[in-house]
Amino acid sequence: MNEPKKLPGNLDRFLHEALQGNVPKLMVPQSTNLTGLFKRSINPSKRPKGTGKK
């Protein structure tokens, strides 16, 4: 457990694809959720601090 932030290869690649919008249609509901989370993490200024949601 030296790299707790390291994601599994498949998930890492999936997230990379999701950020570019190149996700299989089967994963659309999942990907939209992930891209939303990523947009929040990329633009933290849009989200007020202390909301309690990560």
N, C-alpha and C. Protein backbone atom coordinates (compact mmCIF):
# COMPACT_ATOMS: atom_id res chain seq x y z
N MET A 1 0.85 -1.20 0.00
CA MET A 1 0.00 0.00 0.00
C MET A 1 0.88 1.26 0.00
N ASN A 2 1.90 1.24 -0.83
CA ASN A 2 2.78 2.41 -0.91
C ASN A 2 2.12 3.54 -1.69
N GLU A 3 1.23 3.18 -2.63
CA GLU A 3 0.58 4.22 -3.44
C GLU A 3 -0.94 4.11 -3.30
N PRO A 4 -1.50 4.67 -2.24
CA PRO A 4 -2.95 4.58 -2.02
C PRO A 4 -3.73 5.33 -3.10
N LYS A 5 -3.10 6.33 -3.73
CA LYS A 5 -3.80 7.11 -4.75
C LYS A 5 -3.77 6.42 -6.10
N LYS A 6 -2.90 5.41 -6.24
CA LYS A 6 -2.76 4.75 -7.54
C LYS A 6 -4.01 3.95 -7.86
N LEU A 7 -4.58 4.16 -9.05
CA LEU A 7 -5.77 3.44 -9.46
C LEU A 7 -5.39 2.22 -10.27
N PRO A 8 -6.24 1.20 -10.27
CA PRO A 8 -6.01 0.05 -11.15
C PRO A 8 -5.94 0.49 -12.61
N GLY A 9 -5.18 -0.25 -13.42
CA GLY A 9 -4.97 0.14 -14.82
C GLY A 9 -6.28 0.39 -15.55
N ASN A 10 -7.24 -0.53 -15.40
CA ASN A 10 -8.50 -0.37 -16.12
C ASN A 10 -9.24 0.89 -15.69
N LEU A 11 -9.31 1.10 -14.39
CA LEU A 11 -10.05 2.26 -13.88
C LEU A 11 -9.35 3.55 -14.29
N ASP A 12 -8.02 3.54 -14.20
CA ASP A 12 -7.25 4.72 -14.58
C ASP A 12 -7.51 5.07 -16.04
N ARG A 13 -7.47 4.02 -16.90
CA ARG A 13 -7.71 4.26 -18.32
C ARG A 13 -9.15 4.70 -18.55
N PHE A 14 -10.07 4.11 -17.81
CA PHE A 14 -11.49 4.47 -17.96
C PHE A 14 -11.71 5.94 -17.59
N LEU A 15 -11.07 6.36 -16.50
CA LEU A 15 -11.22 7.75 -16.09
C LEU A 15 -10.62 8.68 -17.15
N HIS A 16 -9.48 8.27 -17.69
CA HIS A 16 -8.85 9.09 -18.74
C HIS A 16 -9.77 9.20 -19.95
N GLU A 17 -10.37 8.08 -20.32
CA GLU A 17 -11.30 8.08 -21.46
C GLU A 17 -12.54 8.91 -21.12
N ALA A 18 -13.01 8.77 -19.89
CA ALA A 18 -14.22 9.49 -19.49
C ALA A 18 -14.00 11.00 -19.56
N LEU A 19 -12.79 11.44 -19.19
CA LEU A 19 -12.50 12.87 -19.23
C LEU A 19 -12.53 13.37 -20.67
N GLN A 20 -12.20 12.52 -21.61
CA GLN A 20 -12.21 12.94 -23.00
C GLN A 20 -13.56 12.63 -23.67
N GLY A 21 -14.44 11.97 -22.93
CA GLY A 21 -15.76 11.67 -23.48
C GLY A 21 -15.75 10.44 -24.37
N ASN A 22 -14.68 9.65 -24.31
CA ASN A 22 -14.60 8.45 -25.15
C ASN A 22 -14.97 7.21 -24.34
N VAL A 23 -16.19 7.21 -23.82
CA VAL A 23 -16.60 6.08 -22.99
C VAL A 23 -17.62 5.23 -23.74
N PRO A 24 -17.53 3.92 -23.58
CA PRO A 24 -18.55 3.05 -24.17
C PRO A 24 -19.93 3.44 -23.69
N LYS A 25 -20.94 3.25 -24.53
CA LYS A 25 -22.30 3.68 -24.17
C LYS A 25 -22.81 2.94 -22.94
N LEU A 26 -22.30 1.73 -22.70
CA LEU A 26 -22.74 0.97 -21.53
C LEU A 26 -22.34 1.68 -20.25
N MET A 27 -21.26 2.44 -20.31
CA MET A 27 -20.76 3.08 -19.09
C MET A 27 -21.19 4.53 -18.98
N VAL A 28 -22.13 4.95 -19.81
CA VAL A 28 -22.51 6.36 -19.83
C VAL A 28 -22.97 6.88 -18.46
N PRO A 29 -23.89 6.19 -17.76
CA PRO A 29 -24.32 6.71 -16.46
C PRO A 29 -23.16 6.82 -15.48
N GLN A 30 -22.27 5.82 -15.51
CA GLN A 30 -21.11 5.86 -14.62
C GLN A 30 -20.17 7.00 -15.00
N SER A 31 -19.94 7.12 -16.30
CA SER A 31 -18.95 8.10 -16.77
C SER A 31 -19.43 9.52 -16.50
N THR A 32 -20.73 9.77 -16.68
CA THR A 32 -21.23 11.12 -16.44
C THR A 32 -21.02 11.48 -14.97
N ASN A 33 -21.23 10.50 -14.09
CA ASN A 33 -21.01 10.74 -12.68
C ASN A 33 -19.54 11.02 -12.41
N LEU A 34 -18.66 10.23 -13.04
CA LEU A 34 -17.23 10.40 -12.82
C LEU A 34 -16.75 11.73 -13.39
N THR A 35 -17.23 12.08 -14.57
CA THR A 35 -16.79 13.35 -15.16
C THR A 35 -17.29 14.51 -14.29
N GLY A 36 -18.47 14.36 -13.72
CA GLY A 36 -18.97 15.39 -12.82
C GLY A 36 -18.07 15.54 -11.61
N LEU A 37 -17.65 14.40 -11.06
CA LEU A 37 -16.76 14.44 -9.91
C LEU A 37 -15.43 15.07 -10.30
N PHE A 38 -14.96 14.73 -11.51
CA PHE A 38 -13.68 15.27 -11.95
C PHE A 38 -13.78 16.77 -12.18
N LYS A 39 -14.89 17.20 -12.76
CA LYS A 39 -15.05 18.63 -12.99
C LYS A 39 -15.07 19.37 -11.66
N ARG A 40 -15.67 18.74 -10.65
CA ARG A 40 -15.69 19.38 -9.34
C ARG A 40 -14.28 19.47 -8.77
N SER A 41 -13.50 18.39 -8.96
CA SER A 41 -12.15 18.39 -8.40
C SER A 41 -11.24 19.32 -9.18
N ILE A 42 -11.52 19.48 -10.49
CA ILE A 42 -10.70 20.38 -11.30
C ILE A 42 -11.10 21.83 -11.03
N ASN A 43 -12.38 22.08 -10.84
CA ASN A 43 -12.86 23.44 -10.55
C ASN A 43 -13.44 23.50 -9.14
N PRO A 44 -12.58 23.46 -8.13
CA PRO A 44 -13.09 23.48 -6.75
C PRO A 44 -13.72 24.82 -6.39
N SER A 45 -13.40 25.86 -7.15
CA SER A 45 -13.93 27.18 -6.83
C SER A 45 -15.44 27.24 -7.04
N LYS A 46 -15.95 26.39 -7.93
CA LYS A 46 -17.39 26.40 -8.19
C LYS A 46 -18.16 25.76 -7.04
N ARG A 47 -17.47 24.96 -6.23
CA ARG A 47 -18.14 24.27 -5.14
C ARG A 47 -17.75 24.93 -3.82
N PRO A 48 -18.72 25.32 -3.03
CA PRO A 48 -18.41 25.92 -1.73
C PRO A 48 -17.75 24.92 -0.81
N LYS A 49 -16.82 25.38 0.00
CA LYS A 49 -16.13 24.47 0.93
C LYS A 49 -17.06 24.10 2.08
N GLY A 50 -16.86 22.89 2.59
CA GLY A 50 -17.63 22.47 3.75
C GLY A 50 -18.99 21.90 3.38
N THR A 51 -19.15 21.44 2.13
CA THR A 51 -20.43 20.85 1.76
C THR A 51 -20.53 19.45 2.34
N GLY A 52 -19.38 18.84 2.65
CA GLY A 52 -19.40 17.49 3.23
C GLY A 52 -19.42 16.41 2.17
N LYS A 53 -19.54 16.77 0.89
CA LYS A 53 -19.54 15.76 -0.18
C LYS A 53 -18.20 15.78 -0.89
N LYS A 54 -17.71 14.56 -1.18
CA LYS A 54 -16.42 14.48 -1.88
C LYS A 54 -16.66 14.00 -3.29
